[in-house]
C-alpha atoms as a PDB file:
ATOM      1  CA  MET A   1     106.406 -87.744 265.393  1.00  0.00           C
ATOM      2  CA  ASP A   2     106.800 -84.911 267.918  1.00  0.00           C
ATOM      3  CA  HIS A   3     104.668 -84.796 271.054  1.00  0.00           C
ATOM      4  CA  PHE A   4     104.195 -82.374 273.902  1.00  0.00           C
ATOM      5  CA  PRO A   5     104.947 -83.847 277.321  1.00  0.00           C
ATOM      6  CA  ALA A   6     101.763 -84.927 279.100  1.00  0.00           C
ATOM      7  CA  ASN A   7     102.597 -82.839 282.142  1.00  0.00           C
ATOM      8  CA  LEU A   8     102.211 -79.443 280.446  1.00  0.00           C
ATOM      9  CA  SER A   9      99.126 -77.245 280.192  1.00  0.00           C
ATOM     10  CA  PHE A  10      98.727 -74.511 277.580  1.00  0.00           C
ATOM     11  CA  SER A  11      95.856 -72.060 278.116  1.00  0.00           C
ATOM     12  CA  SER A  12      94.802 -69.067 276.033  1.00  0.00           C
ATOM     13  CA  ARG A  13      91.937 -66.614 275.521  1.00  0.00           C
ATOM     14  CA  LEU A  14      91.807 -66.057 279.279  1.00  0.00           C
ATOM     15  CA  GLY A  15      90.324 -62.637 279.857  1.00  0.00           C
ATOM     16  CA  GLY A  16      88.557 -60.626 282.488  1.00  0.00           C
ATOM     17  CA  TRP A  17      85.059 -61.996 282.077  1.00  0.00           C
ATOM     18  CA  ASP A  18      82.662 -63.237 284.714  1.00  0.00           C
ATOM     19  CA  PRO A  19      83.016 -67.052 284.788  1.00  0.00           C
ATOM     20  CA  ALA A  20      79.339 -67.455 285.733  1.00  0.00           C
ATOM     21  CA  THR A  21      77.990 -65.543 282.723  1.00  0.00           C
ATOM     22  CA  GLY A  22      80.899 -65.363 280.280  1.00  0.00           C
ATOM     23  CA  ASP A  23      80.248 -61.642 279.886  1.00  0.00           C
ATOM     24  CA  VAL A  24      82.891 -58.932 279.801  1.00  0.00           C
ATOM     25  CA  ALA A  25      81.443 -55.840 281.421  1.00  0.00           C
ATOM     26  CA  GLY A  26      81.601 -52.988 278.915  1.00  0.00           C
ATOM     27  CA  THR A  27      82.335 -50.436 281.608  1.00  0.00           C
ATOM     28  CA  SER A  28      85.042 -52.368 283.429  1.00  0.00           C
ATOM     29  CA  THR A  29      88.534 -50.927 283.241  1.00  0.00           C
ATOM     30  CA  GLN A  30      91.520 -52.866 282.006  1.00  0.00           C
ATOM     31  CA  LEU A  31      92.854 -52.889 285.575  1.00  0.00           C
ATOM     32  CA  GLU A  32      89.649 -54.587 286.777  1.00  0.00           C
ATOM     33  CA  GLN A  33      89.798 -57.018 283.866  1.00  0.00           C
ATOM     34  CA  ILE A  34      93.411 -57.886 284.738  1.00  0.00           C
ATOM     35  CA  GLU A  35      92.365 -58.798 288.301  1.00  0.00           C
ATOM     36  CA  GLN A  36      89.532 -61.000 287.032  1.00  0.00           C
ATOM     37  CA  ALA A  37      91.720 -62.553 284.320  1.00  0.00           C
ATOM     38  CA  PHE A  38      94.247 -63.681 286.942  1.00  0.00           C
ATOM     39  CA  LYS A  39      91.415 -65.357 288.890  1.00  0.00           C
ATOM     40  CA  ASN A  40      90.184 -67.019 285.689  1.00  0.00           C
ATOM     41  CA  VAL A  41      93.678 -68.286 284.849  1.00  0.00           C
ATOM     42  CA  ASP A  42      94.033 -69.776 288.335  1.00  0.00           C
ATOM     43  CA  MET A  43      90.646 -71.490 288.080  1.00  0.00           C
ATOM     44  CA  ASN A  44      91.491 -72.866 284.618  1.00  0.00           C
ATOM     45  CA  LEU A  45      94.884 -74.174 285.741  1.00  0.00           C
ATOM     46  CA  LYS A  46      93.422 -75.959 288.751  1.00  0.00           C
ATOM     47  CA  ARG A  47      90.799 -77.606 286.545  1.00  0.00           C
ATOM     48  CA  ALA A  48      93.648 -78.786 284.279  1.00  0.00           C
ATOM     49  CA  GLY A  49      95.440 -80.420 287.214  1.00  0.00           C
ATOM     50  CA  ALA A  50      97.827 -77.664 288.314  1.00  0.00           C
ATOM     51  CA  GLU A  51      96.971 -77.799 292.027  1.00  0.00           C
ATOM     52  CA  ARG A  52      99.130 -74.747 292.838  1.00  0.00           C
ATOM     53  CA  GLY A  53      97.620 -72.705 290.000  1.00  0.00           C
ATOM     54  CA  TRP A  54      99.851 -69.739 289.212  1.00  0.00           C
ATOM     55  CA  GLY A  55     102.668 -71.348 291.199  1.00  0.00           C
ATOM     56  CA  GLN A  56     103.123 -73.801 288.324  1.00  0.00           C
ATOM     57  CA  VAL A  57     103.173 -71.249 285.479  1.00  0.00           C
ATOM     58  CA  PHE A  58     106.494 -70.834 283.689  1.00  0.00           C
ATOM     59  CA  ARG A  59     105.459 -68.599 280.753  1.00  0.00           C
ATOM     60  CA  VAL A  60     102.944 -65.768 280.358  1.00  0.00           C
ATOM     61  CA  ASN A  61     101.983 -63.800 277.260  1.00  0.00           C
ATOM     62  CA  SER A  62      99.566 -60.924 277.712  1.00  0.00           C
ATOM     63  CA  TYR A  63      97.792 -58.781 275.137  1.00  0.00           C
ATOM     64  CA  HIS A  64      96.499 -55.330 276.063  1.00  0.00           C
ATOM     65  CA  ILE A  65      94.344 -52.457 274.816  1.00  0.00           C
ATOM     66  CA  PRO A  66      96.193 -50.159 275.563  1.00  0.00           C
ATOM     67  CA  LEU A  67      99.563 -51.029 277.087  1.00  0.00           C
ATOM     68  CA  ASN A  68     100.927 -48.295 279.349  1.00  0.00           C
ATOM     69  CA  ASP A  69     102.933 -47.923 282.563  1.00  0.00           C
ATOM     70  CA  GLU A  70      99.843 -48.247 284.790  1.00  0.00           C
ATOM     71  CA  VAL A  71      98.873 -51.533 283.108  1.00  0.00           C
ATOM     72  CA  ILE A  72     102.421 -52.910 283.355  1.00  0.00           C
ATOM     73  CA  GLU A  73     102.602 -52.068 287.073  1.00  0.00           C
ATOM     74  CA  LYS A  74      99.181 -53.655 287.709  1.00  0.00           C
ATOM     75  CA  PHE A  75     100.238 -56.819 285.880  1.00  0.00           C
ATOM     76  CA  LYS A  76     103.496 -57.006 287.855  1.00  0.00           C
ATOM     77  CA  THR A  77     101.524 -56.571 291.090  1.00  0.00           C
ATOM     78  CA  GLU A  78      99.153 -59.401 290.162  1.00  0.00           C
ATOM     79  CA  ILE A  79     102.048 -61.712 289.201  1.00  0.00           C
ATOM     80  CA  ALA A  80     103.649 -61.050 292.603  1.00  0.00           C
ATOM     81  CA  LYS A  81     100.307 -61.625 294.371  1.00  0.00           C
ATOM     82  CA  TRP A  82      99.523 -64.903 292.585  1.00  0.00           C
ATOM     83  CA  CYS A  83     103.044 -66.335 292.146  1.00  0.00           C
ATOM     84  CA  GLY A  84     104.681 -65.190 295.380  1.00  0.00           C
ATOM     85  CA  ASN A  85     108.139 -63.739 295.828  1.00  0.00           C
ATOM     86  CA  GLU A  86     110.058 -66.930 295.020  1.00  0.00           C
ATOM     87  CA  HIS A  87     108.529 -67.646 291.614  1.00  0.00           C
ATOM     88  CA  ARG A  88     108.409 -65.412 288.547  1.00  0.00           C
ATOM     89  CA  PRO A  89     107.387 -66.842 285.162  1.00  0.00           C
ATOM     90  CA  ILE A  90     108.806 -65.306 281.997  1.00  0.00           C
ATOM     91  CA  TRP A  91     106.429 -62.644 280.685  1.00  0.00           C
ATOM     92  CA  THR A  92     105.905 -61.041 277.295  1.00  0.00           C
ATOM     93  CA  CYS A  93     103.357 -58.232 276.958  1.00  0.00           C
ATOM     94  CA  VAL A  94     102.071 -56.739 273.714  1.00  0.00           C
ATOM     95  CA  GLU A  95      99.694 -53.919 272.837  1.00  0.00           C
ATOM     96  CA  VAL A  96      97.145 -54.975 270.223  1.00  0.00           C
ATOM     97  CA  PRO A  97      94.422 -53.120 268.293  1.00  0.00           C
ATOM     98  CA  ARG A  98      91.679 -55.655 269.095  1.00  0.00           C
ATOM     99  CA  LEU A  99      90.999 -58.826 271.086  1.00  0.00           C
ATOM    100  CA  GLY A 100      88.600 -61.728 270.534  1.00  0.00           C
ATOM    101  CA  LEU A 101      85.554 -60.284 272.301  1.00  0.00           C
ATOM    102  CA  GLU A 102      84.109 -56.802 272.186  1.00  0.00           C
ATOM    103  CA  ASN A 103      84.910 -54.854 275.389  1.00  0.00           C
ATOM    104  CA  MET A 104      87.854 -57.162 276.144  1.00  0.00           C
ATOM    105  CA  LYS A 105      90.889 -55.124 277.210  1.00  0.00           C
ATOM    106  CA  VAL A 106      93.269 -57.908 278.273  1.00  0.00           C
ATOM    107  CA  GLU A 107      93.919 -61.501 277.265  1.00  0.00           C
ATOM    108  CA  ILE A 108      96.335 -63.834 279.040  1.00  0.00           C
ATOM    109  CA  GLU A 109      97.998 -66.957 277.677  1.00  0.00           C
ATOM    110  CA  VAL A 110      99.957 -69.234 280.029  1.00  0.00           C
ATOM    111  CA  SER A 111     102.074 -72.374 279.958  1.00  0.00           C
ATOM    112  CA  ALA A 112     102.281 -74.406 283.145  1.00  0.00           C
ATOM    113  CA  HIS A 113     103.758 -77.620 284.477  1.00  0.00           C
ATOM    114  CA  VAL A 114     100.927 -79.762 285.840  1.00  0.00           C
ATOM    115  CA  GLY A 115     102.767 -82.929 286.863  1.00  0.00           C
ATOM    116  CA  ASN A 116     105.164 -83.840 289.652  1.00  0.00           C
END
């Protein structure tokens, strides 16, 4: 039987919603949702035991409506802000026609090492 190592965390459906209400603001831009999604990922990782949050991420998949140069640059800026200059996880980004919640413009999926 195959098993995942116990020191890995896999997180998905992480978007730019308000963690207090769970709502995605209908008027928020994708750039604003990207900023909030990065905060939500960090919070989720720390709850899963990744004390350094984004510093322990080794893979990122992101899904966008739409995907353009401005979105790519914003995402790269947020990765640099949250991961620092010494750490860059692998990243795949895809434009999609729809995401799981109405008004959602970005969804992030990460894999992180949570152990020593």
